[in-house]
């Protein structure tokens, strides 16, 4: 990551942009002068591609040109002190125009109803939701070199845009280091006398950084979508499904530690925060679980902790284990001071008894449990409220969990065509003569859900909308 150090001072300004402080002339001009135009432009492409991850290459290009031009003009020695404010006002006016060339955002209309600094700060705080799945596909070595030789600058710009928008939730320092080393690899190997050997060597050297980008994007996507407490539960449930023999007391600290890593590093401008904290977390997971489970032991035996962490993330759920029925928390326990902990423990027990339950379903359960606790514990008669809810949970929730667990279990186990065949057969059973259209529609919905949301790296926002 050392190659990226020269650009790191601007990261503070990029973070200020997200916080609505981008129109402070002194700060932007200070960074522009330290970095120079080209480095400033590079990081502007990365940060705007992250913020507006659903924008087109052309839209991002328009915005980058305006930002760089504003800095170049108004940060020059002798520039009128009012230049930057006037330029940023013109930029906000252009953003609100009917023919704006910049990335569209549904929140822009509300911002454009404001005036002056409030409008600028509102526009600066807008951010697109992340792409459900990274769309960046690395071309072959020969394709990379062909595009690089054809137009080096456009090649670099397009790569920065595609990579940063695909991994928009990865911390800025991680993205900066990853893109810098990638472009260095291309520029070095495409002029090498032995490009194949060169690419192989460089890719091996970049492997840890590539895994860090992929992993941190996933971690921070969940943290952004869920918040700290729910992200902790998500990790707890995932671990419970992978090692159902481990206790709640063993896994909860590891889950809380994972959420703390995300809390400290997803928005951090420190160069090595994510890598350092994530590797420390991985070491703790391996120390706690390797002796209990041979699959964890296999993942943890490598010398590269980042590869070990990725191995654990990609680990499929364990086979179903016969466990006694979990004791349900009492009404009094759920409304006590430790009520949230009792509810989380029960959800943990459900997760390890249903190893194939998708994360999206577990996340919905987490939300529902918090809502129920809020409703019943604030009602006039909490016990009566809970008793009525328990009846519905027993009659509706548990059968649903069994079906969802079976759906993803079959998806993991069977080839896709066989999975769809069995799914069709199971959907046809409840009705003796189902009409073809509803059956086909339901079949495609369930198959699409399984293909998107039964995977360990399922996109949280997309799958939440499908449950």
Protein backbone atom coordinates (compact mmCIF):
# COMPACT_ATOMS: atom_id res chain seq x y z
CA UNK A 1 0.00 0.00 0.00
CA UNK A 2 3.02 2.29 0.17
CA UNK A 3 2.61 3.35 -3.44
CA UNK A 4 -0.61 5.10 -2.50
CA UNK A 5 0.80 7.14 0.38
CA UNK A 6 1.33 10.24 -1.71
CA UNK A 7 -2.41 10.58 -2.24
CA UNK A 8 -3.56 9.93 1.30
CA UNK A 9 -3.66 13.57 2.49
CA UNK A 10 -6.65 14.21 0.23
CA UNK A 11 -8.64 11.45 1.87
CA UNK A 12 -9.50 13.76 4.73
CA UNK A 13 -10.96 16.20 2.23
CA UNK A 14 -12.87 13.40 0.55
CA UNK A 15 -14.35 12.45 3.91
CA UNK A 16 -15.23 16.09 4.54
CA UNK A 17 -17.11 16.05 1.25
CA UNK A 18 -19.30 13.24 2.57
CA UNK A 19 -19.90 15.17 5.77
CA UNK A 20 -20.99 18.28 3.93
CA UNK A 21 -17.84 20.40 4.29
CA UNK A 22 -16.64 20.23 0.71
CA UNK A 23 -17.12 23.91 0.03
CA UNK A 24 -14.46 25.10 2.44
CA UNK A 25 -12.08 26.73 -0.02
CA UNK A 26 -9.02 26.71 2.18
CA UNK A 27 -9.09 22.98 2.77
CA UNK A 28 -9.70 21.99 -0.84
CA UNK A 29 -7.08 24.38 -2.14
CA UNK A 30 -4.55 23.19 0.42
CA UNK A 31 -5.02 19.60 -0.74
CA UNK A 32 -4.99 20.59 -4.41
CA UNK A 33 -1.66 22.34 -4.02
CA UNK A 34 -0.12 19.48 -2.05
CA UNK A 35 -1.20 16.81 -4.51
CA UNK A 36 -1.05 18.60 -7.82
CA UNK A 37 -3.70 18.48 -10.50
CA UNK A 38 -3.27 14.88 -11.68
CA UNK A 39 -3.29 13.26 -8.24
CA UNK A 40 -6.20 15.47 -7.22
CA UNK A 41 -8.05 14.37 -10.35
CA UNK A 42 -7.31 10.69 -9.70
CA UNK A 43 -8.73 10.76 -6.22
CA UNK A 44 -11.71 12.81 -7.37
CA UNK A 45 -12.57 10.05 -9.86
CA UNK A 46 -12.35 7.43 -7.10
CA UNK A 47 -14.36 9.37 -4.52
CA UNK A 48 -17.11 10.48 -6.92
CA UNK A 49 -17.39 6.97 -8.40
CA UNK A 50 -17.84 5.65 -4.86
CA UNK A 51 -20.45 8.24 -3.94
CA UNK A 52 -22.41 7.89 -7.17
CA UNK A 53 -21.85 4.20 -7.81
CA UNK A 54 -24.85 3.94 -10.14
CA UNK A 55 -23.81 6.88 -12.30
CA UNK A 56 -22.48 6.36 -15.80
CA UNK A 57 -18.87 6.85 -16.81
CA UNK A 58 -19.89 9.95 -18.76
CA UNK A 59 -21.79 11.44 -15.79
CA UNK A 60 -18.87 10.87 -13.44
CA UNK A 61 -16.55 12.37 -16.05
CA UNK A 62 -18.63 15.55 -16.24
CA UNK A 63 -18.60 15.95 -12.47
CA UNK A 64 -14.87 15.28 -12.16
CA UNK A 65 -14.06 17.86 -14.83
CA UNK A 66 -16.14 20.48 -13.04
CA UNK A 67 -14.57 19.78 -9.64
CA UNK A 68 -11.01 19.77 -10.98
CA UNK A 69 -11.64 22.90 -13.04
CA UNK A 70 -13.06 24.66 -10.00
CA UNK A 71 -10.00 23.80 -7.94
CA UNK A 72 -7.58 24.65 -10.75
CA UNK A 73 -9.15 28.06 -11.36
CA UNK A 74 -9.92 29.16 -7.83
CA UNK A 75 -6.91 27.72 -6.03
CA UNK A 76 -4.40 29.47 -8.29
CA UNK A 77 -2.19 32.12 -6.76
CA UNK A 78 -3.87 35.49 -6.99
CA UNK A 79 -7.36 34.07 -7.55
CA UNK A 80 -10.21 36.23 -6.31
CA UNK A 81 -11.27 35.07 -2.80
CA UNK A 82 -14.88 34.92 -4.00
CA UNK A 83 -13.98 32.66 -6.94
CA UNK A 84 -14.51 29.37 -5.14
CA UNK A 85 -17.83 30.31 -3.58
CA UNK A 86 -19.12 31.64 -6.89
CA UNK A 87 -17.88 28.56 -8.73
CA UNK A 88 -19.39 26.12 -6.24
CA UNK A 89 -22.69 28.03 -6.42
CA UNK A 90 -22.65 27.72 -10.21
CA UNK A 91 -21.90 24.01 -9.84
CA UNK A 92 -24.88 23.52 -7.53
CA UNK A 93 -27.09 25.46 -9.96
CA UNK A 94 -25.94 23.20 -12.78
CA UNK A 95 -26.66 20.14 -10.63
CA UNK A 96 -30.23 21.34 -10.15
CA UNK A 97 -30.84 22.24 -13.78
CA UNK A 98 -33.25 20.20 -15.93
CA UNK A 99 -30.41 19.12 -18.23
CA UNK A 100 -27.84 18.36 -15.54
CA UNK A 101 -25.06 16.15 -16.92
CA UNK A 102 -24.22 14.85 -13.45
CA UNK A 103 -25.37 11.57 -11.83
CA UNK A 104 -29.07 11.62 -10.96
CA UNK A 105 -30.20 11.08 -7.38
CA UNK A 106 -33.76 10.87 -6.00
CA UNK A 107 -32.80 13.15 -3.12
CA UNK A 108 -31.59 15.93 -5.41
CA UNK A 109 -35.03 17.51 -5.76
CA UNK A 110 -35.26 18.14 -2.03
CA UNK A 111 -31.76 19.63 -1.99
CA UNK A 112 -32.54 21.85 -4.95
CA UNK A 113 -35.47 23.33 -3.07
CA UNK A 114 -32.97 24.91 -0.70
CA UNK A 115 -30.70 27.88 -1.33
CA UNK A 116 -27.10 28.91 -0.80
CA UNK A 117 -24.84 26.92 1.48
CA UNK A 118 -27.69 24.65 2.63
CA UNK A 119 -28.23 23.48 -0.94
CA UNK A 120 -24.51 22.85 -1.46
CA UNK A 121 -24.18 20.87 1.75
CA UNK A 122 -27.31 18.87 0.97
CA UNK A 123 -26.07 17.98 -2.52
CA UNK A 124 -22.63 17.08 -1.18
CA UNK A 125 -24.15 14.62 1.30
CA UNK A 126 -26.06 12.63 -1.35
CA UNK A 127 -24.83 9.13 -2.02
CA UNK A 128 -26.09 6.30 -4.19
CA UNK A 129 -26.85 2.92 -2.61
CA UNK A 130 -24.16 0.34 -3.43
CA UNK A 131 -24.47 -1.93 -6.43
CA UNK A 132 -26.02 -5.27 -5.40
CA UNK A 133 -23.01 -7.12 -6.80
CA UNK A 134 -19.66 -5.76 -8.05
CA UNK A 135 -19.86 -5.37 -11.82
CA UNK A 136 -16.13 -5.06 -12.41
CA UNK A 137 -14.80 -7.98 -14.41
CA UNK A 138 -11.07 -7.96 -14.98
CA UNK A 139 -10.23 -8.44 -18.67
CA UNK A 140 -7.54 -10.82 -19.82
CA UNK A 141 -3.94 -9.65 -19.75
CA UNK A 142 -3.89 -9.17 -23.52
CA UNK A 143 -7.14 -7.19 -23.43
CA UNK A 144 -5.76 -4.99 -20.66
CA UNK A 145 -2.63 -4.23 -22.63
CA UNK A 146 -4.54 -3.56 -25.84
CA UNK A 147 -6.79 -1.01 -24.11
CA UNK A 148 -3.84 0.50 -22.26
CA UNK A 149 -1.76 0.98 -25.41
CA UNK A 150 -4.72 2.36 -27.34
CA UNK A 151 -5.49 5.18 -24.90
CA UNK A 152 -3.63 5.05 -21.56
CA UNK A 153 -5.45 7.95 -19.91
CA UNK A 154 -8.96 6.82 -20.81
CA UNK A 155 -8.04 3.27 -19.81
CA UNK A 156 -6.96 4.47 -16.36
CA UNK A 157 -10.03 6.71 -15.93
CA UNK A 158 -12.45 3.98 -16.91
CA UNK A 159 -10.75 1.45 -14.66
CA UNK A 160 -10.87 3.83 -11.69
CA UNK A 161 -14.57 4.46 -12.34
CA UNK A 162 -15.53 0.80 -12.78
CA UNK A 163 -13.50 -0.44 -9.83
CA UNK A 164 -14.50 2.30 -7.38
CA UNK A 165 -18.19 2.11 -8.28
CA UNK A 166 -18.14 -1.70 -8.02
CA UNK A 167 -16.47 -1.66 -4.61
CA UNK A 168 -18.05 1.57 -3.41
CA UNK A 169 -18.31 0.45 0.21
CA UNK A 170 -14.64 -0.44 0.60
CA UNK A 171 -12.68 2.09 2.68
CA UNK A 172 -11.09 4.83 0.59
CA UNK A 173 -7.50 3.95 1.60
CA UNK A 174 -8.07 0.34 0.51
CA UNK A 175 -9.54 1.39 -2.83
CA UNK A 176 -6.76 3.88 -3.42
CA UNK A 177 -4.05 1.32 -2.73
CA UNK A 178 -5.76 -1.34 -4.84
CA UNK A 179 -6.30 0.89 -7.87
CA UNK A 180 -2.81 2.37 -7.66
CA UNK A 181 -1.10 -1.02 -7.61
CA UNK A 182 -3.34 -2.34 -10.40
CA UNK A 183 -2.52 0.52 -12.74
CA UNK A 184 1.14 0.18 -11.84
CA UNK A 185 0.96 -3.52 -12.72
CA UNK A 186 -0.59 -2.79 -16.11
CA UNK A 187 1.84 -0.02 -17.01
CA UNK A 188 4.79 -2.20 -16.00
CA UNK A 189 3.76 -5.51 -17.53
CA UNK A 190 2.39 -4.18 -20.81
CA UNK A 191 5.84 -2.89 -21.74
CA UNK A 192 7.67 -5.89 -20.32
CA UNK A 193 9.54 -8.28 -22.60
CA UNK A 194 7.88 -11.14 -20.69
CA UNK A 195 4.35 -9.86 -19.95
CA UNK A 196 2.90 -13.23 -18.92
CA UNK A 197 5.51 -13.80 -16.24
CA UNK A 198 5.25 -10.17 -15.18
CA UNK A 199 1.47 -10.32 -14.72
CA UNK A 200 1.72 -13.59 -12.80
CA UNK A 201 4.28 -12.12 -10.40
CA UNK A 202 2.35 -8.86 -9.92
CA UNK A 203 -0.99 -10.62 -9.38
CA UNK A 204 0.54 -12.83 -6.70
CA UNK A 205 1.90 -9.73 -4.98
CA UNK A 206 -1.52 -8.04 -5.24
CA UNK A 207 -3.48 -11.05 -3.98
CA UNK A 208 -3.69 -9.91 -0.36
CA UNK A 209 -4.75 -6.41 -1.40
CA UNK A 210 -7.32 -7.80 -3.85
CA UNK A 211 -8.83 -9.99 -1.14
CA UNK A 212 -8.82 -7.05 1.26
CA UNK A 213 -10.76 -4.95 -1.25
CA UNK A 214 -13.33 -7.66 -1.86
CA UNK A 215 -13.68 -8.52 1.82
CA UNK A 216 -13.81 -4.97 3.15
CA UNK A 217 -16.42 -4.04 0.55
CA UNK A 218 -18.58 -6.89 1.79
CA UNK A 219 -18.01 -6.05 5.46
CA UNK A 220 -18.73 -2.36 5.00
CA UNK A 221 -21.76 -3.01 2.79
CA UNK A 222 -23.34 -4.92 5.65
CA UNK A 223 -22.27 -2.37 8.20
CA UNK A 224 -23.78 0.42 6.10
CA UNK A 225 -27.02 -1.49 5.54
CA UNK A 226 -27.40 -2.91 9.04
CA UNK A 227 -25.67 -0.66 11.55
CA UNK A 228 -23.34 -1.95 14.24
CA UNK A 229 -25.73 -4.07 16.34
CA UNK A 230 -27.39 -5.81 13.41
CA UNK A 231 -24.03 -6.35 11.70
CA UNK A 232 -22.84 -8.03 14.90
CA UNK A 233 -25.89 -10.30 14.86
CA UNK A 234 -25.32 -11.11 11.18
CA UNK A 235 -21.80 -12.33 11.98
CA UNK A 236 -23.05 -14.22 15.03
CA UNK A 237 -25.68 -16.05 12.98
CA UNK A 238 -23.19 -16.85 10.22
CA UNK A 239 -20.72 -18.33 12.71
CA UNK A 240 -23.51 -20.29 14.40
CA UNK A 241 -24.43 -21.86 11.07
CA UNK A 242 -20.83 -22.76 10.29
CA UNK A 243 -19.95 -24.17 13.70
CA UNK A 244 -23.23 -25.06 15.47
CA UNK A 245 -21.37 -26.85 18.26
CA UNK A 246 -19.91 -23.57 19.53
CA UNK A 247 -21.77 -21.82 22.31
CA UNK A 248 -23.38 -18.39 22.34
CA UNK A 249 -20.80 -17.24 24.88
CA UNK A 250 -17.96 -18.31 22.59
CA UNK A 251 -19.28 -16.72 19.41
CA UNK A 252 -20.85 -13.47 20.64
CA UNK A 253 -17.50 -11.79 21.50
CA UNK A 254 -16.16 -12.70 18.05
CA UNK A 255 -19.25 -11.24 16.38
CA UNK A 256 -19.01 -8.05 18.42
CA UNK A 257 -15.32 -7.81 17.56
CA UNK A 258 -16.13 -8.06 13.84
CA UNK A 259 -18.68 -5.26 14.14
CA UNK A 260 -16.13 -3.15 15.99
CA UNK A 261 -13.65 -3.60 13.13
CA UNK A 262 -16.26 -2.29 10.70
CA UNK A 263 -17.17 0.56 13.04
CA UNK A 264 -13.56 1.69 13.34
CA UNK A 265 -12.35 1.15 9.79
CA UNK A 266 -15.13 1.48 7.19
CA UNK A 267 -14.95 5.28 7.30
CA UNK A 268 -11.39 5.55 8.54
CA UNK A 269 -8.79 7.48 6.58
CA UNK A 270 -5.96 5.57 8.28
CA UNK A 271 -3.98 3.75 5.62
CA UNK A 272 -3.82 0.34 7.29
CA UNK A 273 -6.85 0.38 9.63
CA UNK A 274 -8.92 -2.26 7.85
CA UNK A 275 -6.06 -4.61 7.09
CA UNK A 276 -4.54 -4.38 10.57
CA UNK A 277 -7.81 -4.74 12.49
CA UNK A 278 -9.19 -7.44 10.20
CA UNK A 279 -6.08 -9.57 10.54
CA UNK A 280 -6.17 -9.18 14.32
CA UNK A 281 -9.81 -10.27 14.28
CA UNK A 282 -9.01 -13.26 12.08
CA UNK A 283 -6.30 -14.34 14.49
CA UNK A 284 -8.81 -14.23 17.35
CA UNK A 285 -11.36 -16.28 15.39
CA UNK A 286 -8.75 -18.88 14.51
CA UNK A 287 -7.49 -19.05 18.08
CA UNK A 288 -11.01 -19.55 19.44
CA UNK A 289 -12.44 -22.00 16.91
CA UNK A 290 -9.65 -23.98 15.21
CA UNK A 291 -9.46 -26.58 17.96
CA UNK A 292 -13.23 -27.13 17.85
CA UNK A 293 -13.80 -27.59 14.14
CA UNK A 294 -11.63 -29.13 11.44
CA UNK A 295 -12.96 -26.80 8.75
CA UNK A 296 -11.89 -23.75 10.74
CA UNK A 297 -8.58 -25.46 11.43
CA UNK A 298 -8.09 -25.98 7.68
CA UNK A 299 -8.85 -22.32 6.94
CA UNK A 300 -6.57 -21.10 9.70
CA UNK A 301 -3.49 -23.17 8.90
CA UNK A 302 -2.25 -20.80 6.20
CA UNK A 303 0.39 -18.17 6.85
CA UNK A 304 -1.57 -15.42 5.06
CA UNK A 305 -4.23 -14.23 7.51
CA UNK A 306 -6.17 -12.43 4.78
CA UNK A 307 -6.51 -15.67 2.84
CA UNK A 308 -7.53 -17.38 6.07
CA UNK A 309 -10.23 -14.78 6.65
CA UNK A 310 -11.54 -15.12 3.10
CA UNK A 311 -11.62 -18.90 3.53
CA UNK A 312 -13.78 -18.53 6.65
CA UNK A 313 -16.11 -16.09 4.90
CA UNK A 314 -16.58 -18.48 1.98
CA UNK A 315 -17.11 -21.51 4.22
CA UNK A 316 -20.52 -23.12 3.59
CA UNK A 317 -22.85 -23.84 6.50
CA UNK A 318 -22.29 -27.01 8.47
CA UNK A 319 -24.56 -30.03 7.98
CA UNK A 320 -27.68 -29.90 10.12
CA UNK A 321 -26.98 -30.96 13.69
CA UNK A 322 -29.55 -32.57 15.99
CA UNK A 323 -29.90 -30.27 18.96
CA UNK A 324 -32.58 -30.15 21.65
CA UNK A 325 -35.31 -27.57 21.25
CA UNK A 326 -34.03 -24.21 22.48
CA UNK A 327 -35.69 -22.75 25.56
CA UNK A 328 -37.72 -19.70 24.63
CA UNK A 329 -37.06 -16.57 26.68
CA UNK A 330 -39.84 -15.73 29.10
CA UNK A 331 -41.99 -12.63 28.78
CA UNK A 332 -40.25 -11.18 31.82
CA UNK A 333 -36.78 -11.83 30.37
CA UNK A 334 -37.64 -10.20 27.04
CA UNK A 335 -38.75 -6.99 28.73
CA UNK A 336 -35.96 -6.90 31.30
CA UNK A 337 -32.80 -4.82 31.03
CA UNK A 338 -31.05 -7.67 29.21
CA UNK A 339 -34.05 -8.31 26.98
CA UNK A 340 -32.16 -7.63 23.76
CA UNK A 341 -29.51 -10.16 24.77
CA UNK A 342 -32.14 -12.82 25.52
CA UNK A 343 -33.77 -12.21 22.13
CA UNK A 344 -30.40 -12.40 20.36
CA UNK A 345 -29.58 -15.65 22.13
CA UNK A 346 -32.86 -17.20 20.93
CA UNK A 347 -32.22 -16.06 17.35
CA UNK A 348 -28.73 -17.55 17.62
CA UNK A 349 -30.31 -20.86 18.64
CA UNK A 350 -32.64 -20.71 15.64
CA UNK A 351 -29.71 -19.99 13.31
CA UNK A 352 -27.62 -22.94 14.40
CA UNK A 353 -30.61 -25.27 14.12
CA UNK A 354 -31.35 -23.97 10.62
CA UNK A 355 -27.87 -23.82 9.05
CA UNK A 356 -29.18 -23.00 5.57
CA UNK A 357 -31.39 -20.08 6.56
CA UNK A 358 -30.30 -17.17 4.36
CA UNK A 359 -28.93 -14.04 5.96
CA UNK A 360 -31.83 -11.96 4.63
CA UNK A 361 -34.35 -14.06 6.56
CA UNK A 362 -32.27 -13.90 9.74
CA UNK A 363 -31.96 -10.13 9.34
CA UNK A 364 -35.74 -9.86 9.05
CA UNK A 365 -36.10 -11.96 12.20
CA UNK A 366 -33.75 -9.59 14.00
CA UNK A 367 -35.81 -6.58 12.93
CA UNK A 368 -39.06 -8.31 13.84
CA UNK A 369 -37.78 -9.26 17.30
CA UNK A 370 -36.81 -5.66 18.03
CA UNK A 371 -40.20 -4.45 16.82
CA UNK A 372 -42.05 -7.00 18.95
CA UNK A 373 -40.05 -6.08 22.03
CA UNK A 374 -40.86 -2.44 21.43
CA UNK A 375 -44.57 -3.16 21.03
CA UNK A 376 -45.09 -5.63 23.85
CA UNK A 377 -42.74 -4.21 26.45
CA UNK A 378 -44.37 -0.79 26.15
CA UNK A 379 -47.95 -2.12 26.19
CA UNK A 380 -50.25 -2.03 29.20
CA UNK A 381 -50.18 -5.81 29.51
CA UNK A 382 -46.83 -7.13 28.18
CA UNK A 383 -47.58 -10.76 29.06
CA UNK A 384 -50.86 -10.79 27.15
CA UNK A 385 -49.15 -9.14 24.20
CA UNK A 386 -46.35 -11.71 24.17
CA UNK A 387 -48.73 -14.65 24.57
CA UNK A 388 -50.71 -13.60 21.51
CA UNK A 389 -47.53 -13.09 19.50
CA UNK A 390 -46.14 -16.49 20.50
CA UNK A 391 -49.21 -18.25 19.13
CA UNK A 392 -48.72 -16.62 15.75
CA UNK A 393 -44.97 -17.32 15.79
CA UNK A 394 -45.61 -21.01 16.42
CA UNK A 395 -48.23 -21.30 13.68
CA UNK A 396 -46.61 -19.13 10.99
CA UNK A 397 -42.96 -18.38 11.65
CA UNK A 398 -41.52 -21.81 12.39
CA UNK A 399 -43.04 -23.45 9.27
CA UNK A 400 -41.70 -20.54 7.20
CA UNK A 401 -38.20 -20.99 8.64
CA UNK A 402 -38.29 -24.69 7.83
CA UNK A 403 -39.25 -23.96 4.21
CA UNK A 404 -36.60 -21.26 3.79
CA UNK A 405 -33.97 -23.54 5.32
CA UNK A 406 -34.99 -26.35 2.97
CA UNK A 407 -34.97 -24.05 -0.08
CA UNK A 408 -31.39 -22.88 0.46
CA UNK A 409 -30.28 -26.33 1.58
CA UNK A 410 -31.42 -27.83 -1.71
CA UNK A 411 -29.91 -24.94 -3.66
CA UNK A 412 -26.50 -25.63 -2.08
CA UNK A 413 -26.78 -29.38 -2.55
CA UNK A 414 -28.24 -29.83 -6.03
CA UNK A 415 -27.29 -28.78 -9.56
CA UNK A 416 -29.43 -25.79 -10.53
CA UNK A 417 -31.65 -27.63 -13.04
CA UNK A 418 -32.32 -30.42 -10.56
CA UNK A 419 -32.99 -27.80 -7.89
CA UNK A 420 -35.60 -26.12 -10.10
CA UNK A 421 -37.20 -29.46 -10.93
CA UNK A 422 -37.62 -30.36 -7.26
CA UNK A 423 -38.80 -26.86 -6.48
CA UNK A 424 -41.44 -27.12 -9.19
CA UNK A 425 -42.60 -30.46 -7.79
CA UNK A 426 -42.85 -29.10 -4.25
CA UNK A 427 -44.75 -26.00 -5.37
CA UNK A 428 -47.23 -28.12 -7.31
CA UNK A 429 -48.12 -30.30 -4.33
CA UNK A 430 -50.38 -28.01 -2.24
CA UNK A 431 -52.81 -27.44 -5.14
CA UNK A 432 -54.01 -30.51 -7.08
CA UNK A 433 -54.36 -28.55 -10.32
CA UNK A 434 -52.40 -25.31 -10.12
CA UNK A 435 -52.68 -22.93 -13.02
CA UNK A 436 -49.45 -22.80 -15.03
CA UNK A 437 -48.90 -19.03 -14.85
CA UNK A 438 -48.90 -18.60 -11.05
CA UNK A 439 -46.83 -21.75 -10.63
CA UNK A 440 -44.22 -20.56 -13.13
CA UNK A 441 -44.17 -17.11 -11.58
CA UNK A 442 -43.68 -18.52 -8.09
CA UNK A 443 -41.05 -20.93 -9.37
CA UNK A 444 -39.02 -18.12 -10.93
CA UNK A 445 -39.36 -15.96 -7.82
CA UNK A 446 -38.11 -18.72 -5.51
CA UNK A 447 -35.33 -19.75 -7.89
CA UNK A 448 -34.21 -16.14 -8.30
CA UNK A 449 -34.21 -15.64 -4.53
CA UNK A 450 -32.15 -18.79 -4.01
CA UNK A 451 -29.62 -17.85 -6.70
CA UNK A 452 -29.16 -14.36 -5.24
CA UNK A 453 -29.72 -14.76 -1.52
CA UNK A 454 -28.69 -18.27 -0.45
CA UNK A 455 -25.04 -17.37 -1.02
CA UNK A 456 -22.66 -16.30 1.76
CA UNK A 457 -21.95 -12.98 0.02
CA UNK A 458 -25.59 -12.22 -0.78
CA UNK A 459 -26.24 -8.47 -1.23
CA UNK A 460 -28.08 -7.33 1.92
CA UNK A 461 -30.26 -4.58 0.46
CA UNK A 462 -31.33 -6.57 -2.59
CA UNK A 463 -32.18 -9.67 -0.58
CA UNK A 464 -34.00 -7.72 2.12
CA UNK A 465 -36.40 -6.55 -0.57
CA UNK A 466 -37.06 -10.14 -1.66
CA UNK A 467 -38.01 -11.62 1.72
